[in-house]
Amino acid sequence: MRSVPRQGRLSTRRAFTLVEVIASIVIVAVLAATSANLVRDTTSGYADAVTRAGLINDGSAALERLVTGIRDIPLRASITPAEPSIATITTNSLTVDGNHGFALSGTNLRLTVAGVTTTLLGNVSSFQVRAFDQDNAAMAVSLSGNACDPVRRIELTLTLSRNGVSETLRTRVFLRCMMHGASP
């Protein structure tokens, strides 16, 4: 028998096929897209929370300033029984006299103290003032002159908007001047 020279064993190296490469690319792309959406949603949620917290802080500070002014409304002099010295109340303003009050002007909440008007807050979407009598019944939308005499509580509703985020705050204030023992 004749011996045929034996060729050395060829090493069989196998490479990735085109199908395997494309499948790997698709899997990596899906994972990257999912991760990017998760990061975007988390970042957007955080930004909205920061904006909402800023709106709440700004709105709370503005309402606190208005509440202080409402609580300090004096009694009308020489009127018995005692009545608050409120000149007018509308859906978005309250005037104590010509020198004191607050009103919504466009998107700005303006405060007037001693005849000087300042912008208390911007980006106001809506601002509502409601009056209530001693029995906590809502009064007419617009009041002026003697129609303001039975007012005992004021409700303020403030809606602020910034960067597509809105926040509404509401408070109800009892007129301090009408509390038992208050003096004119």
Protein backbone atom coordinates (compact mmCIF):
# COMPACT_ATOMS: atom_id res chain seq x y z
CA MET A 1 0.00 0.00 0.00
CA ARG A 2 1.04 3.18 -0.92
CA SER A 3 1.06 5.78 1.61
CA VAL A 4 -0.44 9.06 0.73
CA PRO A 5 1.17 11.88 2.53
CA ARG A 6 -1.16 13.06 5.13
CA GLN A 7 -1.83 16.70 5.18
CA GLY A 8 -1.84 18.34 8.53
CA ARG A 9 -5.15 18.95 10.09
CA LEU A 10 -6.51 22.29 9.06
CA SER A 11 -7.62 24.44 11.90
CA THR A 12 -11.23 25.35 11.49
CA ARG A 13 -11.75 28.92 12.59
CA ARG A 14 -15.27 30.05 12.35
CA ALA A 15 -16.22 33.75 11.98
CA PHE A 16 -19.50 35.50 12.72
CA THR A 17 -22.02 35.28 9.96
CA LEU A 18 -23.73 38.37 8.64
CA VAL A 19 -27.01 37.27 10.22
CA GLU A 20 -25.40 36.99 13.65
CA VAL A 21 -23.83 40.44 13.35
CA ILE A 22 -27.14 42.05 12.31
CA ALA A 23 -29.01 40.28 15.14
CA SER A 24 -26.45 41.55 17.66
CA ILE A 25 -26.74 45.10 16.33
CA VAL A 26 -30.56 44.96 16.59
CA ILE A 27 -30.41 43.68 20.18
CA VAL A 28 -27.91 46.37 21.21
CA ALA A 29 -30.05 49.07 19.49
CA VAL A 30 -33.21 47.94 21.31
CA LEU A 31 -31.40 47.98 24.66
CA ALA A 32 -29.94 51.43 23.95
CA ALA A 33 -33.34 52.85 22.92
CA THR A 34 -35.00 51.43 26.04
CA SER A 35 -32.26 52.84 28.27
CA ALA A 36 -32.43 56.24 26.55
CA ASN A 37 -36.22 56.40 27.06
CA LEU A 38 -35.83 55.47 30.71
CA VAL A 39 -33.19 58.17 31.24
CA ARG A 40 -35.27 60.77 29.33
CA ASP A 41 -38.44 59.98 31.31
CA THR A 42 -36.57 60.12 34.61
CA THR A 43 -34.91 63.42 33.70
CA SER A 44 -38.20 64.89 32.52
CA GLY A 45 -39.95 63.75 35.71
CA TYR A 46 -37.24 65.32 37.81
CA ALA A 47 -37.45 68.61 35.88
CA ASP A 48 -41.25 68.66 36.30
CA ALA A 49 -40.91 68.00 40.03
CA VAL A 50 -38.40 70.84 40.40
CA THR A 51 -40.71 73.18 38.45
CA ARG A 52 -43.72 72.10 40.52
CA ALA A 53 -41.80 72.68 43.77
CA GLY A 54 -40.81 76.16 42.56
CA LEU A 55 -44.42 76.97 41.67
CA ILE A 56 -45.63 75.80 45.06
CA ASN A 57 -42.96 77.86 46.86
CA ASP A 58 -43.70 80.99 44.81
CA GLY A 59 -47.46 80.55 45.14
CA SER A 60 -47.29 79.87 48.86
CA ALA A 61 -45.17 82.96 49.48
CA ALA A 62 -47.58 85.12 47.46
CA LEU A 63 -50.64 83.69 49.20
CA GLU A 64 -49.04 84.20 52.61
CA ARG A 65 -48.47 87.85 51.78
CA LEU A 66 -52.10 88.23 50.66
CA VAL A 67 -53.37 86.39 53.73
CA THR A 68 -51.44 88.78 55.97
CA GLY A 69 -53.05 91.72 54.18
CA ILE A 70 -56.52 90.20 54.47
CA ARG A 71 -56.12 89.45 58.15
CA ASP A 72 -55.07 93.05 58.73
CA ILE A 73 -58.14 94.58 57.10
CA PRO A 74 -59.39 97.18 59.59
CA LEU A 75 -62.94 97.76 60.78
CA ARG A 76 -64.96 100.62 59.34
CA ALA A 77 -64.80 103.52 61.75
CA SER A 78 -67.95 104.54 63.61
CA ILE A 79 -70.20 101.75 62.29
CA THR A 80 -72.16 99.58 64.67
CA PRO A 81 -72.21 96.61 64.37
CA ALA A 82 -68.59 96.38 63.27
CA GLU A 83 -68.01 95.76 59.58
CA PRO A 84 -64.78 95.18 57.64
CA SER A 85 -63.43 98.10 55.65
CA ILE A 86 -63.59 96.39 52.24
CA ALA A 87 -64.41 98.64 49.28
CA THR A 88 -64.81 96.06 46.46
CA ILE A 89 -64.44 92.37 45.77
CA THR A 90 -64.48 90.98 42.23
CA THR A 91 -63.63 87.56 40.85
CA ASN A 92 -59.94 88.48 40.69
CA SER A 93 -59.41 91.47 42.99
CA LEU A 94 -60.01 92.89 46.44
CA THR A 95 -59.73 96.55 47.36
CA VAL A 96 -59.72 97.79 50.94
CA ASP A 97 -59.49 101.43 49.99
CA GLY A 98 -57.80 103.27 47.16
CA ASN A 99 -54.39 102.63 48.71
CA HIS A 100 -54.59 98.91 49.59
CA GLY A 101 -55.62 95.80 47.70
CA PHE A 102 -54.58 93.18 45.18
CA ALA A 103 -55.65 92.22 41.66
CA LEU A 104 -54.74 90.02 38.73
CA SER A 105 -53.45 92.06 35.80
CA GLY A 106 -52.79 89.87 32.76
CA THR A 107 -50.58 87.09 34.12
CA ASN A 108 -49.24 89.17 37.02
CA LEU A 109 -50.65 89.28 40.52
CA ARG A 110 -50.25 92.85 41.74
CA LEU A 111 -50.29 94.05 45.33
CA THR A 112 -51.01 97.65 46.31
CA VAL A 113 -49.84 98.84 49.72
CA ALA A 114 -50.00 102.50 50.73
CA GLY A 115 -50.68 103.46 47.13
CA VAL A 116 -47.60 101.68 45.74
CA THR A 117 -48.34 98.82 43.34
CA THR A 118 -45.83 96.02 42.92
CA THR A 119 -45.90 92.76 41.02
CA LEU A 120 -46.18 90.05 43.61
CA LEU A 121 -46.09 87.08 41.26
CA GLY A 122 -45.84 86.34 37.53
CA ASN A 123 -46.95 83.36 35.42
CA VAL A 124 -50.41 83.37 37.00
CA SER A 125 -52.85 81.38 34.88
CA SER A 126 -55.84 82.23 37.01
CA PHE A 127 -56.64 83.94 40.28
CA GLN A 128 -60.01 83.82 41.97
CA VAL A 129 -61.35 85.67 44.99
CA ARG A 130 -64.53 84.44 46.70
CA ALA A 131 -66.27 85.94 49.70
CA PHE A 132 -68.24 84.13 52.40
CA ASP A 133 -70.58 85.40 55.10
CA GLN A 134 -70.76 84.42 58.77
CA ASP A 135 -72.69 81.24 57.93
CA ASN A 136 -69.94 80.27 55.46
CA ALA A 137 -72.32 80.75 52.53
CA ALA A 138 -70.77 81.99 49.29
CA MET A 139 -71.63 85.58 48.48
CA ALA A 140 -72.13 87.26 45.11
CA VAL A 141 -69.25 87.27 42.66
CA SER A 142 -68.85 91.06 42.68
CA LEU A 143 -69.42 93.14 45.78
CA SER A 144 -68.91 96.81 46.50
CA GLY A 145 -69.78 99.34 49.19
CA ASN A 146 -72.23 98.13 51.83
CA ALA A 147 -72.58 94.76 50.08
CA CYS A 148 -69.10 93.96 51.45
CA ASP A 149 -70.20 94.45 55.07
CA PRO A 150 -71.29 90.83 55.72
CA VAL A 151 -67.97 89.39 54.45
CA ARG A 152 -66.30 87.25 57.11
CA ARG A 153 -64.07 84.93 55.09
CA ILE A 154 -62.14 85.27 51.84
CA GLU A 155 -61.06 82.34 49.69
CA LEU A 156 -58.13 82.76 47.31
CA THR A 157 -57.43 80.28 44.50
CA LEU A 158 -54.20 80.71 42.58
CA THR A 159 -53.10 78.71 39.52
CA LEU A 160 -49.52 79.10 38.31
CA SER A 161 -47.96 77.70 35.12
CA ARG A 162 -44.37 77.37 34.06
CA ASN A 163 -42.69 75.13 31.46
CA GLY A 164 -45.87 73.17 30.82
CA VAL A 165 -46.43 72.44 34.53
CA SER A 166 -49.41 73.90 36.44
CA GLU A 167 -50.08 74.01 40.14
CA THR A 168 -53.18 75.27 41.97
CA LEU A 169 -53.15 76.52 45.55
CA ARG A 170 -56.16 77.52 47.62
CA THR A 171 -56.61 79.06 51.03
CA ARG A 172 -59.51 80.44 53.03
CA VAL A 173 -58.91 83.34 55.41
CA PHE A 174 -61.04 84.47 58.34
CA LEU A 175 -61.06 88.27 58.70
CA ARG A 176 -59.24 88.93 61.96
CA CYS A 177 -61.03 92.24 62.46
CA MET A 178 -64.30 90.31 62.76
CA MET A 179 -63.10 87.94 65.45
CA HIS A 180 -64.63 88.24 68.88
CA GLY A 181 -62.88 90.92 70.87
CA ALA A 182 -61.44 92.77 67.88
CA SER A 183 -61.41 96.51 68.23
CA PRO A 184 -61.73 99.11 65.47
